[in-house]
Amino acid sequence: IVSLQVKKGEEKALLELARPAIDATRKEKGCLLYELVQDIEDPTRFVFNERWETVDDLAAHIKAAHTQKLVGGMGKLLD
C-alpha cells in the first residue's frame, strides 16, 4: 500500500501520469493486483494497492522504466 497526498488541483494530473504505469504494471510478471484509488472524502488523497507474487517481482517492478517515470513525475504533484 502506497499513500499519496497531492496538491489541490493536481488530482487529474496524477491520474494522467499514473495511467500508463498502471497499464504496464498490470502486465508485469508476478503482479497480482495493482490499482490506484482516489479517496471520496478527500480527492487529493490517493492509495496504490499492490500485491506481488514474490519480493523479487516487486523489486523488478520498482526498477521498471514506467515505474521510474511515474515516481519521477510525481514529485511536483505531491503535497
PDB file of N, CA and C in Angstrom:
ATOM      1  N   ILE A   1       0.853  -1.171   0.000  1.00  0.00           N
ATOM      2  CA  ILE A   1       0.000   0.000   0.000  1.00  0.00           C
ATOM      3  C   ILE A   1       0.898   1.232   0.000  1.00  0.00           C
ATOM      4  N   VAL A   2       0.605   2.136  -0.929  1.00  0.00           N
ATOM      5  CA  VAL A   2       1.345   3.390  -1.021  1.00  0.00           C
ATOM      6  C   VAL A   2       0.324   4.521  -0.983  1.00  0.00           C
ATOM      7  N   SER A   3       0.425   5.391   0.015  1.00  0.00           N
ATOM      8  CA  SER A   3      -0.496   6.527   0.144  1.00  0.00           C
ATOM      9  C   SER A   3       0.176   7.789  -0.362  1.00  0.00           C
ATOM     10  N   LEU A   4      -0.604   8.596  -1.078  1.00  0.00           N
ATOM     11  CA  LEU A   4      -0.099   9.850  -1.627  1.00  0.00           C
ATOM     12  C   LEU A   4      -1.069  10.979  -1.332  1.00  0.00           C
ATOM     13  N   GLN A   5      -0.529  12.133  -1.087  1.00  0.00           N
ATOM     14  CA  GLN A   5      -1.326  13.349  -0.930  1.00  0.00           C
ATOM     15  C   GLN A   5      -0.848  14.313  -2.004  1.00  0.00           C
ATOM     16  N   VAL A   6      -1.725  14.659  -2.931  1.00  0.00           N
ATOM     17  CA  VAL A   6      -1.335  15.581  -3.995  1.00  0.00           C
ATOM     18  C   VAL A   6      -1.816  16.988  -3.670  1.00  0.00           C
ATOM     19  N   LYS A   7      -1.195  17.946  -4.311  1.00  0.00           N
ATOM     20  CA  LYS A   7      -1.616  19.332  -4.149  1.00  0.00           C
ATOM     21  C   LYS A   7      -3.014  19.497  -4.729  1.00  0.00           C
ATOM     22  N   LYS A   8      -3.804  20.335  -4.089  1.00  0.00           N
ATOM     23  CA  LYS A   8      -5.147  20.613  -4.581  1.00  0.00           C
ATOM     24  C   LYS A   8      -5.057  21.115  -6.020  1.00  0.00           C
ATOM     25  N   GLY A   9      -5.864  20.560  -6.890  1.00  0.00           N
ATOM     26  CA  GLY A   9      -5.857  20.926  -8.294  1.00  0.00           C
ATOM     27  C   GLY A   9      -4.974  20.034  -9.156  1.00  0.00           C
ATOM     28  N   GLU A  10      -4.189  19.150  -8.542  1.00  0.00           N
ATOM     29  CA  GLU A  10      -3.289  18.265  -9.286  1.00  0.00           C
ATOM     30  C   GLU A  10      -3.822  16.834  -9.394  1.00  0.00           C
ATOM     31  N   GLU A  11      -5.064  16.634  -8.968  1.00  0.00           N
ATOM     32  CA  GLU A  11      -5.637  15.285  -8.975  1.00  0.00           C
ATOM     33  C   GLU A  11      -5.667  14.691 -10.391  1.00  0.00           C
ATOM     34  N   LYS A  12      -6.148  15.455 -11.349  1.00  0.00           N
ATOM     35  CA  LYS A  12      -6.240  14.968 -12.723  1.00  0.00           C
ATOM     36  C   LYS A  12      -4.851  14.685 -13.291  1.00  0.00           C
ATOM     37  N   ALA A  13      -3.894  15.530 -12.974  1.00  0.00           N
ATOM     38  CA  ALA A  13      -2.529  15.339 -13.461  1.00  0.00           C
ATOM     39  C   ALA A  13      -1.945  14.025 -12.942  1.00  0.00           C
ATOM     40  N   LEU A  14      -2.202  13.707 -11.688  1.00  0.00           N
ATOM     41  CA  LEU A  14      -1.706  12.448 -11.140  1.00  0.00           C
ATOM     42  C   LEU A  14      -2.351  11.268 -11.863  1.00  0.00           C
ATOM     43  N   LEU A  15      -3.643  11.323 -12.058  1.00  0.00           N
ATOM     44  CA  LEU A  15      -4.333  10.230 -12.751  1.00  0.00           C
ATOM     45  C   LEU A  15      -3.786  10.034 -14.162  1.00  0.00           C
ATOM     46  N   GLU A  16      -3.543  11.127 -14.865  1.00  0.00           N
ATOM     47  CA  GLU A  16      -2.999  11.035 -16.230  1.00  0.00           C
ATOM     48  C   GLU A  16      -1.575  10.494 -16.230  1.00  0.00           C
ATOM     49  N   LEU A  17      -0.778  10.890 -15.261  1.00  0.00           N
ATOM     50  CA  LEU A  17       0.593  10.393 -15.140  1.00  0.00           C
ATOM     51  C   LEU A  17       0.602   8.908 -14.790  1.00  0.00           C
ATOM     52  N   ALA A  18      -0.300   8.499 -13.925  1.00  0.00           N
ATOM     53  CA  ALA A  18      -0.309   7.122 -13.430  1.00  0.00           C
ATOM     54  C   ALA A  18      -0.875   6.121 -14.435  1.00  0.00           C
ATOM     55  N   ARG A  19      -1.791   6.546 -15.281  1.00  0.00           N
ATOM     56  CA  ARG A  19      -2.491   5.615 -16.173  1.00  0.00           C
ATOM     57  C   ARG A  19      -1.550   4.709 -16.979  1.00  0.00           C
ATOM     58  N   PRO A  20      -0.532   5.245 -17.682  1.00  0.00           N
ATOM     59  CA  PRO A  20       0.362   4.357 -18.440  1.00  0.00           C
ATOM     60  C   PRO A  20       1.139   3.389 -17.547  1.00  0.00           C
ATOM     61  N   ALA A  21       1.548   3.850 -16.377  1.00  0.00           N
ATOM     62  CA  ALA A  21       2.283   2.981 -15.452  1.00  0.00           C
ATOM     63  C   ALA A  21       1.393   1.872 -14.918  1.00  0.00           C
ATOM     64  N   ILE A  22       0.152   2.187 -14.655  1.00  0.00           N
ATOM     65  CA  ILE A  22      -0.786   1.170 -14.170  1.00  0.00           C
ATOM     66  C   ILE A  22      -0.981   0.095 -15.226  1.00  0.00           C
ATOM     67  N   ASP A  23      -1.220   0.515 -16.467  1.00  0.00           N
ATOM     68  CA  ASP A  23      -1.410  -0.442 -17.558  1.00  0.00           C
ATOM     69  C   ASP A  23      -0.191  -1.344 -17.728  1.00  0.00           C
ATOM     70  N   ALA A  24       1.003  -0.754 -17.716  1.00  0.00           N
ATOM     71  CA  ALA A  24       2.236  -1.529 -17.879  1.00  0.00           C
ATOM     72  C   ALA A  24       2.482  -2.444 -16.687  1.00  0.00           C
ATOM     73  N   THR A  25       2.228  -1.952 -15.491  1.00  0.00           N
ATOM     74  CA  THR A  25       2.478  -2.745 -14.283  1.00  0.00           C
ATOM     75  C   THR A  25       1.591  -3.981 -14.236  1.00  0.00           C
ATOM     76  N   ARG A  26       0.364  -3.848 -14.632  1.00  0.00           N
ATOM     77  CA  ARG A  26      -0.554  -4.990 -14.605  1.00  0.00           C
ATOM     78  C   ARG A  26      -0.106  -6.123 -15.518  1.00  0.00           C
ATOM     79  N   LYS A  27       0.782  -5.844 -16.462  1.00  0.00           N
ATOM     80  CA  LYS A  27       1.314  -6.862 -17.372  1.00  0.00           C
ATOM     81  C   LYS A  27       2.618  -7.467 -16.873  1.00  0.00           C
ATOM     82  N   GLU A  28       3.147  -6.950 -15.783  1.00  0.00           N
ATOM     83  CA  GLU A  28       4.426  -7.426 -15.260  1.00  0.00           C
ATOM     84  C   GLU A  28       4.301  -8.807 -14.641  1.00  0.00           C
ATOM     85  N   LYS A  29       5.402  -9.541 -14.720  1.00  0.00           N
ATOM     86  CA  LYS A  29       5.481 -10.857 -14.085  1.00  0.00           C
ATOM     87  C   LYS A  29       5.245 -10.699 -12.583  1.00  0.00           C
ATOM     88  N   GLY A  30       4.372 -11.525 -12.042  1.00  0.00           N
ATOM     89  CA  GLY A  30       4.150 -11.544 -10.600  1.00  0.00           C
ATOM     90  C   GLY A  30       3.147 -10.540 -10.074  1.00  0.00           C
ATOM     91  N   CYS A  31       2.602  -9.676 -10.932  1.00  0.00           N
ATOM     92  CA  CYS A  31       1.624  -8.693 -10.472  1.00  0.00           C
ATOM     93  C   CYS A  31       0.270  -9.365 -10.279  1.00  0.00           C
ATOM     94  N   LEU A  32      -0.189  -9.409  -9.057  1.00  0.00           N
ATOM     95  CA  LEU A  32      -1.483  -9.989  -8.727  1.00  0.00           C
ATOM     96  C   LEU A  32      -2.562  -8.916  -8.600  1.00  0.00           C
ATOM     97  N   LEU A  33      -2.150  -7.725  -8.174  1.00  0.00           N
ATOM     98  CA  LEU A  33      -3.078  -6.604  -8.003  1.00  0.00           C
ATOM     99  C   LEU A  33      -2.290  -5.314  -8.084  1.00  0.00           C
ATOM    100  N   TYR A  34      -2.805  -4.351  -8.848  1.00  0.00           N
ATOM    101  CA  TYR A  34      -2.192  -3.027  -8.912  1.00  0.00           C
ATOM    102  C   TYR A  34      -3.296  -2.065  -9.294  1.00  0.00           C
ATOM    103  N   GLU A  35      -3.704  -1.232  -8.336  1.00  0.00           N
ATOM    104  CA  GLU A  35      -4.785  -0.287  -8.590  1.00  0.00           C
ATOM    105  C   GLU A  35      -4.504   1.019  -7.859  1.00  0.00           C
ATOM    106  N   LEU A  36      -5.038   2.086  -8.433  1.00  0.00           N
ATOM    107  CA  LEU A  36      -4.952   3.402  -7.817  1.00  0.00           C
ATOM    108  C   LEU A  36      -6.362   3.816  -7.436  1.00  0.00           C
ATOM    109  N   VAL A  37      -6.539   4.162  -6.166  1.00  0.00           N
ATOM    110  CA  VAL A  37      -7.849   4.531  -5.638  1.00  0.00           C
ATOM    111  C   VAL A  37      -7.782   5.967  -5.134  1.00  0.00           C
ATOM    112  N   GLN A  38      -8.789   6.752  -5.491  1.00  0.00           N
ATOM    113  CA  GLN A  38      -8.891   8.134  -5.028  1.00  0.00           C
ATOM    114  C   GLN A  38      -9.909   8.193  -3.903  1.00  0.00           C
ATOM    115  N   ASP A  39      -9.550   8.834  -2.817  1.00  0.00           N
ATOM    116  CA  ASP A  39     -10.422   8.957  -1.651  1.00  0.00           C
ATOM    117  C   ASP A  39     -11.657   9.794  -2.005  1.00  0.00           C
ATOM    118  N   ILE A  40     -12.820   9.312  -1.667  1.00  0.00           N
ATOM    119  CA  ILE A  40     -14.077  10.011  -1.958  1.00  0.00           C
ATOM    120  C   ILE A  40     -14.215  11.277  -1.114  1.00  0.00           C
ATOM    121  N   GLU A  41     -13.825  11.196   0.141  1.00  0.00           N
ATOM    122  CA  GLU A  41     -13.971  12.333   1.048  1.00  0.00           C
ATOM    123  C   GLU A  41     -12.873  13.374   0.889  1.00  0.00           C
ATOM    124  N   ASP A  42     -11.684  12.944   0.475  1.00  0.00           N
ATOM    125  CA  ASP A  42     -10.562  13.863   0.247  1.00  0.00           C
ATOM    126  C   ASP A  42      -9.960  13.523  -1.108  1.00  0.00           C
ATOM    127  N   PRO A  43     -10.411  14.189  -2.166  1.00  0.00           N
ATOM    128  CA  PRO A  43      -9.959  13.840  -3.509  1.00  0.00           C
ATOM    129  C   PRO A  43      -8.475  14.097  -3.782  1.00  0.00           C
ATOM    130  N   THR A  44      -7.767  14.724  -2.848  1.00  0.00           N
ATOM    131  CA  THR A  44      -6.331  14.904  -3.009  1.00  0.00           C
ATOM    132  C   THR A  44      -5.546  13.720  -2.446  1.00  0.00           C
ATOM    133  N   ARG A  45      -6.232  12.763  -1.862  1.00  0.00           N
ATOM    134  CA  ARG A  45      -5.581  11.585  -1.279  1.00  0.00           C
ATOM    135  C   ARG A  45      -5.797  10.389  -2.199  1.00  0.00           C
ATOM    136  N   PHE A  46      -4.690   9.712  -2.511  1.00  0.00           N
ATOM    137  CA  PHE A  46      -4.714   8.536  -3.374  1.00  0.00           C
ATOM    138  C   PHE A  46      -4.000   7.389  -2.679  1.00  0.00           C
ATOM    139  N   VAL A  47      -4.386   6.169  -3.031  1.00  0.00           N
ATOM    140  CA  VAL A  47      -3.736   4.982  -2.489  1.00  0.00           C
ATOM    141  C   VAL A  47      -3.493   3.996  -3.627  1.00  0.00           C
ATOM    142  N   PHE A  48      -2.241   3.567  -3.759  1.00  0.00           N
ATOM    143  CA  PHE A  48      -1.907   2.458  -4.642  1.00  0.00           C
ATOM    144  C   PHE A  48      -2.010   1.184  -3.820  1.00  0.00           C
ATOM    145  N   ASN A  49      -2.826   0.255  -4.264  1.00  0.00           N
ATOM    146  CA  ASN A  49      -2.911  -1.070  -3.661  1.00  0.00           C
ATOM    147  C   ASN A  49      -2.162  -2.023  -4.582  1.00  0.00           C
ATOM    148  N   GLU A  50      -1.178  -2.715  -4.025  1.00  0.00           N
ATOM    149  CA  GLU A  50      -0.347  -3.618  -4.815  1.00  0.00           C
ATOM    150  C   GLU A  50      -0.255  -4.972  -4.132  1.00  0.00           C
ATOM    151  N   ARG A  51      -0.204  -6.011  -4.955  1.00  0.00           N
ATOM    152  CA  ARG A  51       0.054  -7.357  -4.430  1.00  0.00           C
ATOM    153  C   ARG A  51       0.934  -8.067  -5.458  1.00  0.00           C
ATOM    154  N   TRP A  52       2.013  -8.648  -4.965  1.00  0.00           N
ATOM    155  CA  TRP A  52       3.006  -9.288  -5.818  1.00  0.00           C
ATOM    156  C   TRP A  52       3.221 -10.733  -5.385  1.00  0.00           C
ATOM    157  N   GLU A  53       3.528 -11.592  -6.338  1.00  0.00           N
ATOM    158  CA  GLU A  53       3.787 -12.999  -6.019  1.00  0.00           C
ATOM    159  C   GLU A  53       5.026 -13.157  -5.153  1.00  0.00           C
ATOM    160  N   THR A  54       6.096 -12.421  -5.509  1.00  0.00           N
ATOM    161  CA  THR A  54       7.347 -12.551  -4.761  1.00  0.00           C
ATOM    162  C   THR A  54       7.970 -11.175  -4.534  1.00  0.00           C
ATOM    163  N   VAL A  55       8.886 -11.119  -3.607  1.00  0.00           N
ATOM    164  CA  VAL A  55       9.638  -9.890  -3.339  1.00  0.00           C
ATOM    165  C   VAL A  55      10.491  -9.541  -4.566  1.00  0.00           C
ATOM    166  N   ASP A  56      11.007 -10.543  -5.258  1.00  0.00           N
ATOM    167  CA  ASP A  56      11.796 -10.287  -6.461  1.00  0.00           C
ATOM    168  C   ASP A  56      10.955  -9.630  -7.550  1.00  0.00           C
ATOM    169  N   ASP A  57       9.694 -10.041  -7.677  1.00  0.00           N
ATOM    170  CA  ASP A  57       8.796  -9.414  -8.651  1.00  0.00           C
ATOM    171  C   ASP A  57       8.572  -7.941  -8.304  1.00  0.00           C
ATOM    172  N   LEU A  58       8.390  -7.653  -7.029  1.00  0.00           N
ATOM    173  CA  LEU A  58       8.230  -6.266  -6.584  1.00  0.00           C
ATOM    174  C   LEU A  58       9.497  -5.461  -6.857  1.00  0.00           C
ATOM    175  N   ALA A  59      10.659  -6.050  -6.585  1.00  0.00           N
ATOM    176  CA  ALA A  59      11.931  -5.363  -6.818  1.00  0.00           C
ATOM    177  C   ALA A  59      12.102  -5.031  -8.302  1.00  0.00           C
ATOM    178  N   ALA A  60      11.723  -5.962  -9.181  1.00  0.00           N
ATOM    179  CA  ALA A  60      11.802  -5.712 -10.625  1.00  0.00           C
ATOM    180  C   ALA A  60      10.847  -4.584 -11.013  1.00  0.00           C
ATOM    181  N   HIS A  61       9.667  -4.564 -10.405  1.00  0.00           N
ATOM    182  CA  HIS A  61       8.688  -3.511 -10.680  1.00  0.00           C
ATOM    183  C   HIS A  61       9.243  -2.134 -10.313  1.00  0.00           C
ATOM    184  N   ILE A  62       9.884  -2.043  -9.184  1.00  0.00           N
ATOM    185  CA  ILE A  62      10.429  -0.767  -8.722  1.00  0.00           C
ATOM    186  C   ILE A  62      11.490  -0.242  -9.691  1.00  0.00           C
ATOM    187  N   LYS A  63      12.224  -1.139 -10.318  1.00  0.00           N
ATOM    188  CA  LYS A  63      13.280  -0.751 -11.256  1.00  0.00           C
ATOM    189  C   LYS A  63      12.766  -0.512 -12.673  1.00  0.00           C
ATOM    190  N   ALA A  64      11.528  -0.889 -12.968  1.00  0.00           N
ATOM    191  CA  ALA A  64      10.986  -0.772 -14.321  1.00  0.00           C
ATOM    192  C   ALA A  64      10.938   0.684 -14.776  1.00  0.00           C
ATOM    193  N   ALA A  65      11.144   0.888 -16.062  1.00  0.00           N
ATOM    194  CA  ALA A  65      11.175   2.249 -16.619  1.00  0.00           C
ATOM    195  C   ALA A  65       9.869   2.993 -16.365  1.00  0.00           C
ATOM    196  N   HIS A  66       8.731   2.321 -16.514  1.00  0.00           N
ATOM    197  CA  HIS A  66       7.446   3.004 -16.313  1.00  0.00           C
ATOM    198  C   HIS A  66       7.240   3.398 -14.845  1.00  0.00           C
ATOM    199  N   THR A  67       7.772   2.606 -13.925  1.00  0.00           N
ATOM    200  CA  THR A  67       7.677   2.957 -12.505  1.00  0.00           C
ATOM    201  C   THR A  67       8.570   4.153 -12.204  1.00  0.00           C
ATOM    202  N   GLN A  68       9.769   4.142 -12.742  1.00  0.00           N
ATOM    203  CA  GLN A  68      10.689   5.252 -12.524  1.00  0.00           C
ATOM    204  C   GLN A  68      10.135   6.552 -13.112  1.00  0.00           C
ATOM    205  N   LYS A  69       9.494   6.458 -14.265  1.00  0.00           N
ATOM    206  CA  LYS A  69       8.877   7.650 -14.862  1.00  0.00           C
ATOM    207  C   LYS A  69       7.758   8.180 -13.986  1.00  0.00           C
ATOM    208  N   LEU A  70       6.933   7.280 -13.454  1.00  0.00           N
ATOM    209  CA  LEU A  70       5.831   7.674 -12.561  1.00  0.00           C
ATOM    210  C   LEU A  70       6.385   8.354 -11.305  1.00  0.00           C
ATOM    211  N   VAL A  71       7.318   7.723 -10.670  1.00  0.00           N
ATOM    212  CA  VAL A  71       7.898   8.272  -9.431  1.00  0.00           C
ATOM    213  C   VAL A  71       8.575   9.616  -9.713  1.00  0.00           C
ATOM    214  N   GLY A  72       9.291   9.699 -10.807  1.00  0.00           N
ATOM    215  CA  GLY A  72       9.974  10.946 -11.155  1.00  0.00           C
ATOM    216  C   GLY A  72       9.029  12.095 -11.429  1.00  0.00           C
ATOM    217  N   GLY A  73       7.861  11.786 -12.003  1.00  0.00           N
ATOM    218  CA  GLY A  73       6.907  12.818 -12.344  1.00  0.00           C
ATOM    219  C   GLY A  73       5.999  13.238 -11.194  1.00  0.00           C
ATOM    220  N   MET A  74       5.928  12.404 -10.165  1.00  0.00           N
ATOM    221  CA  MET A  74       5.009  12.699  -9.055  1.00  0.00           C
ATOM    222  C   MET A  74       5.513  13.799  -8.138  1.00  0.00           C
ATOM    223  N   GLY A  75       6.816  13.981  -8.041  1.00  0.00           N
ATOM    224  CA  GLY A  75       7.385  14.920  -7.079  1.00  0.00           C
ATOM    225  C   GLY A  75       6.741  16.291  -7.108  1.00  0.00           C
ATOM    226  N   LYS A  76       6.526  16.843  -8.290  1.00  0.00           N
ATOM    227  CA  LYS A  76       5.966  18.190  -8.402  1.00  0.00           C
ATOM    228  C   LYS A  76       4.475  18.221  -8.079  1.00  0.00           C
ATOM    229  N   LEU A  77       3.833  17.056  -8.040  1.00  0.00           N
ATOM    230  CA  LEU A  77       2.391  16.985  -7.787  1.00  0.00           C
ATOM    231  C   LEU A  77       2.067  16.761  -6.315  1.00  0.00           C
ATOM    232  N   LEU A  78       3.028  16.251  -5.558  1.00  0.00           N
ATOM    233  CA  LEU A  78       2.765  15.869  -4.174  1.00  0.00           C
ATOM    234  C   LEU A  78       2.779  17.061  -3.227  1.00  0.00           C
ATOM    235  N   ASP A  79       1.935  16.962  -2.225  1.00  0.00           N
ATOM    236  CA  ASP A  79       1.840  17.994  -1.207  1.00  0.00           C
ATOM    237  C   ASP A  79       2.664  17.595  -0.004  1.00  0.00           C
TER     238      ASP A  79
END
